[in-house]
Amino acid sequence: MRLGTVIGRVTLSVTTPGLEGARWLVVSPFNRSHFQNGVRAIEGLSTEPSLVVYDSLGGGVGQTIGFIEGREAAQPFDKPPPIDAINAALVDEIFYHPQT
């Protein structure tokens, strides 16, 4: 699981059967630089490319989420849909204390 900040939403005009009405989020994933200076640095956009994440939990813009990528993203479905990432957690707080 990776963490990221929701920076937008996606609206589809055409979708795969079985995914009609699904919510899609644009997520900026956290990278190492977000964690190097402690919790206060976990803000802002990442230098990594943003990605689109399937959302069934109700994540909102500005919220931190935990998302899963790859084959595991399709596991909650009976018939695996063509998705690459799924929202797996809504994160309230992050407690990060680097070892010195």
Protein backbone atom coordinates (compact mmCIF):
# COMPACT_ATOMS: atom_id res chain seq x y z
CA MET A 1 0.00 0.00 0.00
CA ARG A 2 1.17 3.50 -0.82
CA LEU A 3 -0.03 6.85 0.47
CA GLY A 4 -1.01 9.88 -1.56
CA THR A 5 -3.04 13.07 -1.60
CA VAL A 6 -6.25 13.36 -3.62
CA ILE A 7 -5.82 16.31 -5.99
CA GLY A 8 -8.90 15.91 -8.17
CA ARG A 9 -11.74 13.78 -9.48
CA VAL A 10 -12.33 12.17 -12.87
CA THR A 11 -15.61 12.08 -14.78
CA LEU A 12 -15.89 9.49 -17.54
CA SER A 13 -18.20 9.83 -20.52
CA VAL A 14 -17.77 6.16 -21.52
CA THR A 15 -17.00 3.34 -19.10
CA THR A 16 -16.63 -0.44 -18.95
CA PRO A 17 -19.80 -2.36 -18.05
CA GLY A 18 -19.75 -3.10 -14.34
CA LEU A 19 -18.02 0.18 -13.48
CA GLU A 20 -20.91 2.51 -14.30
CA GLY A 21 -21.32 5.13 -11.59
CA ALA A 22 -17.88 4.43 -10.10
CA ARG A 23 -15.92 7.23 -8.46
CA TRP A 24 -12.41 7.98 -9.73
CA LEU A 25 -9.79 10.13 -7.98
CA VAL A 26 -6.61 11.77 -9.23
CA VAL A 27 -3.90 11.06 -6.64
CA SER A 28 -0.45 12.54 -6.15
CA PRO A 29 1.55 9.73 -4.50
CA PHE A 30 3.92 10.44 -1.63
CA ASN A 31 7.59 9.76 -2.22
CA ARG A 32 10.69 9.63 -0.03
CA SER A 33 11.07 13.41 0.13
CA HIS A 34 7.65 13.70 1.78
CA PHE A 35 8.92 11.68 4.74
CA GLN A 36 12.54 12.86 5.06
CA ASN A 37 11.72 15.96 7.10
CA GLY A 38 8.96 14.53 9.29
CA VAL A 39 5.20 14.90 9.28
CA ARG A 40 5.15 18.62 8.50
CA ALA A 41 6.76 17.91 5.13
CA ILE A 42 3.88 15.61 4.13
CA GLU A 43 2.08 18.30 2.19
CA GLY A 44 2.10 19.45 -1.39
CA LEU A 45 2.44 17.65 -4.69
CA SER A 46 4.84 14.86 -5.45
CA THR A 47 7.42 14.88 -8.22
CA GLU A 48 6.09 11.47 -9.29
CA PRO A 49 3.35 11.28 -11.92
CA SER A 50 -0.23 11.43 -10.65
CA LEU A 51 -2.49 8.43 -11.13
CA VAL A 52 -6.21 7.64 -11.35
CA VAL A 53 -7.57 5.51 -8.49
CA TYR A 54 -10.93 3.69 -8.24
CA ASP A 55 -12.71 4.86 -5.08
CA SER A 56 -15.48 3.06 -3.22
CA LEU A 57 -14.71 4.64 0.18
CA GLY A 58 -15.58 8.27 -0.54
CA GLY A 59 -12.20 10.01 -0.59
CA GLY A 60 -12.28 13.75 -1.15
CA VAL A 61 -9.96 16.36 -2.61
CA GLY A 62 -7.16 17.23 -0.19
CA GLN A 63 -7.52 14.00 1.78
CA THR A 64 -4.70 11.49 2.30
CA ILE A 65 -5.55 7.96 1.15
CA GLY A 66 -3.86 4.58 1.06
CA PHE A 67 -4.05 2.94 -2.34
CA ILE A 68 -3.09 -0.43 -3.78
CA GLU A 69 -1.77 -0.89 -7.30
CA GLY A 70 -1.46 -3.82 -9.67
CA ARG A 71 -3.23 -7.17 -9.62
CA GLU A 72 -4.32 -6.72 -6.00
CA ALA A 73 -6.45 -3.71 -7.02
CA ALA A 74 -8.89 -6.01 -8.83
CA GLN A 75 -9.27 -8.52 -5.97
CA PRO A 76 -12.45 -7.02 -4.40
CA PHE A 77 -14.42 -7.67 -7.61
CA ASP A 78 -16.06 -10.93 -8.72
CA LYS A 79 -14.95 -10.39 -12.31
CA PRO A 80 -11.60 -8.53 -12.48
CA PRO A 81 -12.17 -5.10 -14.06
CA PRO A 82 -9.53 -3.17 -16.02
CA ILE A 83 -8.27 -1.00 -13.13
CA ASP A 84 -4.71 -0.38 -11.95
CA ALA A 85 -5.26 1.18 -8.52
CA ILE A 86 -7.93 1.14 -5.80
CA ASN A 87 -8.48 3.25 -2.69
CA ALA A 88 -7.98 0.93 0.29
CA ALA A 89 -7.90 3.37 3.23
CA LEU A 90 -8.87 6.88 4.27
CA VAL A 91 -6.01 8.22 6.39
CA ASP A 92 -6.86 10.50 9.32
CA GLU A 93 -3.37 11.13 10.72
CA ILE A 94 0.20 10.16 9.99
CA PHE A 95 2.64 9.65 12.85
CA TYR A 96 6.15 9.55 11.48
CA HIS A 97 9.27 9.83 13.61
CA PRO A 98 12.48 9.15 11.68
CA GLN A 99 15.26 7.43 13.58
CA THR A 100 18.29 9.59 14.17
